Amino acid sequence: MLNNPLELANFRFIKRIVVGNDNPDQMRSEAEVQSQMDLVNLCLGSTPRGRILGLEKNVSVRDIGGPEVIMQSLVYHIGFERKPYFLDEAK
């Protein structure tokens, strides 16, 4: 367990996870978004336990030859003391 979670030197591995739609050419289905959120929950609830170091909130409006498309995504930066074994299995 980390003594001081605010010290970035304690984190040896950082996983970046995008949840939502970030590419207008490849819109993600609801099942894919749920799978991404399940990975975030796995990182925060399993051993070794990850900590959220940063969060990016992205919203963009695109006009793709017809109706405007609003794309939203969250990017989680989750830090670990060491690389978790379950990230090698989940891809």
Protein backbone atom coordinates (compact mmCIF):
# COMPACT_ATOMS: atom_id res chain seq x y z
CA MET A 1 0.00 0.00 0.00
CA LEU A 2 1.24 3.45 -0.79
CA ASN A 3 2.17 5.61 2.20
CA ASN A 4 1.65 8.88 0.33
CA PRO A 5 -0.47 8.44 -2.80
CA LEU A 6 0.43 11.92 -4.06
CA GLU A 7 4.07 11.06 -4.70
CA LEU A 8 4.38 10.15 -8.37
CA ALA A 9 7.71 8.44 -7.72
CA ASN A 10 5.78 5.56 -6.12
CA PHE A 11 4.07 4.69 -9.40
CA ARG A 12 6.08 2.47 -11.74
CA PHE A 13 3.36 1.73 -14.30
CA ILE A 14 0.62 4.00 -15.68
CA LYS A 15 -2.25 2.69 -17.77
CA ARG A 16 -4.19 5.05 -20.04
CA ILE A 17 -7.79 3.93 -20.64
CA VAL A 18 -10.16 5.75 -23.01
CA VAL A 19 -13.86 5.37 -22.19
CA GLY A 20 -16.25 6.60 -24.85
CA ASN A 21 -15.98 7.74 -28.44
CA ASP A 22 -12.80 9.53 -29.44
CA ASN A 23 -12.67 8.74 -33.17
CA PRO A 24 -15.54 9.78 -35.48
CA ASP A 25 -14.55 7.15 -38.04
CA GLN A 26 -14.87 4.31 -35.53
CA MET A 27 -17.84 4.91 -33.26
CA ARG A 28 -17.88 2.45 -30.36
CA SER A 29 -20.93 0.40 -29.46
CA GLU A 30 -22.48 0.41 -26.00
CA ALA A 31 -20.93 -3.01 -25.32
CA GLU A 32 -17.44 -1.70 -26.16
CA VAL A 33 -17.90 1.32 -23.87
CA GLN A 34 -19.08 -1.00 -21.08
CA SER A 35 -16.02 -3.20 -21.65
CA GLN A 36 -13.77 -0.14 -21.28
CA MET A 37 -15.51 0.83 -18.05
CA ASP A 38 -15.16 -2.73 -16.75
CA LEU A 39 -11.40 -2.43 -17.32
CA VAL A 40 -11.32 0.81 -15.30
CA ASN A 41 -13.21 -0.91 -12.47
CA LEU A 42 -10.85 -3.90 -12.64
CA CYS A 43 -7.84 -1.59 -12.35
CA LEU A 44 -9.30 0.23 -9.36
CA GLY A 45 -10.59 -2.83 -7.52
CA SER A 46 -8.06 -5.61 -8.08
CA THR A 47 -4.64 -6.31 -6.62
CA PRO A 48 -2.40 -4.39 -7.09
CA ARG A 49 -4.89 -1.57 -6.64
CA GLY A 50 -4.55 1.31 -9.06
CA ARG A 51 -5.04 4.98 -8.27
CA ILE A 52 -6.47 7.60 -10.60
CA LEU A 53 -3.68 10.06 -11.30
CA GLY A 54 -5.44 12.13 -13.93
CA LEU A 55 -8.66 12.44 -15.86
CA GLU A 56 -9.19 14.03 -19.26
CA LYS A 57 -12.71 15.05 -20.28
CA ASN A 58 -13.17 15.47 -24.02
CA VAL A 59 -16.27 16.75 -25.79
CA SER A 60 -16.33 17.62 -29.48
CA VAL A 61 -19.03 18.37 -32.04
CA ARG A 62 -18.38 17.00 -35.54
CA ASP A 63 -20.28 17.67 -38.73
CA ILE A 64 -19.87 14.50 -40.76
CA GLY A 65 -21.77 15.24 -43.96
CA GLY A 66 -25.16 15.30 -42.29
CA PRO A 67 -26.31 15.65 -38.73
CA GLU A 68 -23.87 16.88 -36.14
CA VAL A 69 -22.34 14.19 -33.98
CA ILE A 70 -21.44 14.93 -30.37
CA MET A 71 -18.55 12.80 -29.20
CA GLN A 72 -17.67 12.42 -25.55
CA SER A 73 -14.85 10.52 -23.92
CA LEU A 74 -13.06 10.25 -20.62
CA VAL A 75 -9.43 9.25 -20.42
CA TYR A 76 -8.32 7.73 -17.14
CA HIS A 77 -4.64 7.68 -16.17
CA ILE A 78 -4.35 4.93 -13.55
CA GLY A 79 -1.07 4.44 -11.69
CA PHE A 80 0.26 1.22 -10.16
CA GLU A 81 3.27 0.35 -8.01
CA ARG A 82 3.99 -2.45 -10.51
CA LYS A 83 2.37 -3.68 -13.71
CA PRO A 84 -0.66 -5.84 -12.87
CA TYR A 85 -0.78 -9.34 -14.33
CA PHE A 86 -4.40 -8.88 -15.48
CA LEU A 87 -3.39 -6.15 -17.94
CA ASP A 88 -1.36 -8.71 -19.89
CA GLU A 89 -4.48 -10.91 -20.15
CA ALA A 90 -6.98 -8.13 -20.97
CA LYS A 91 -6.49 -6.37 -24.27
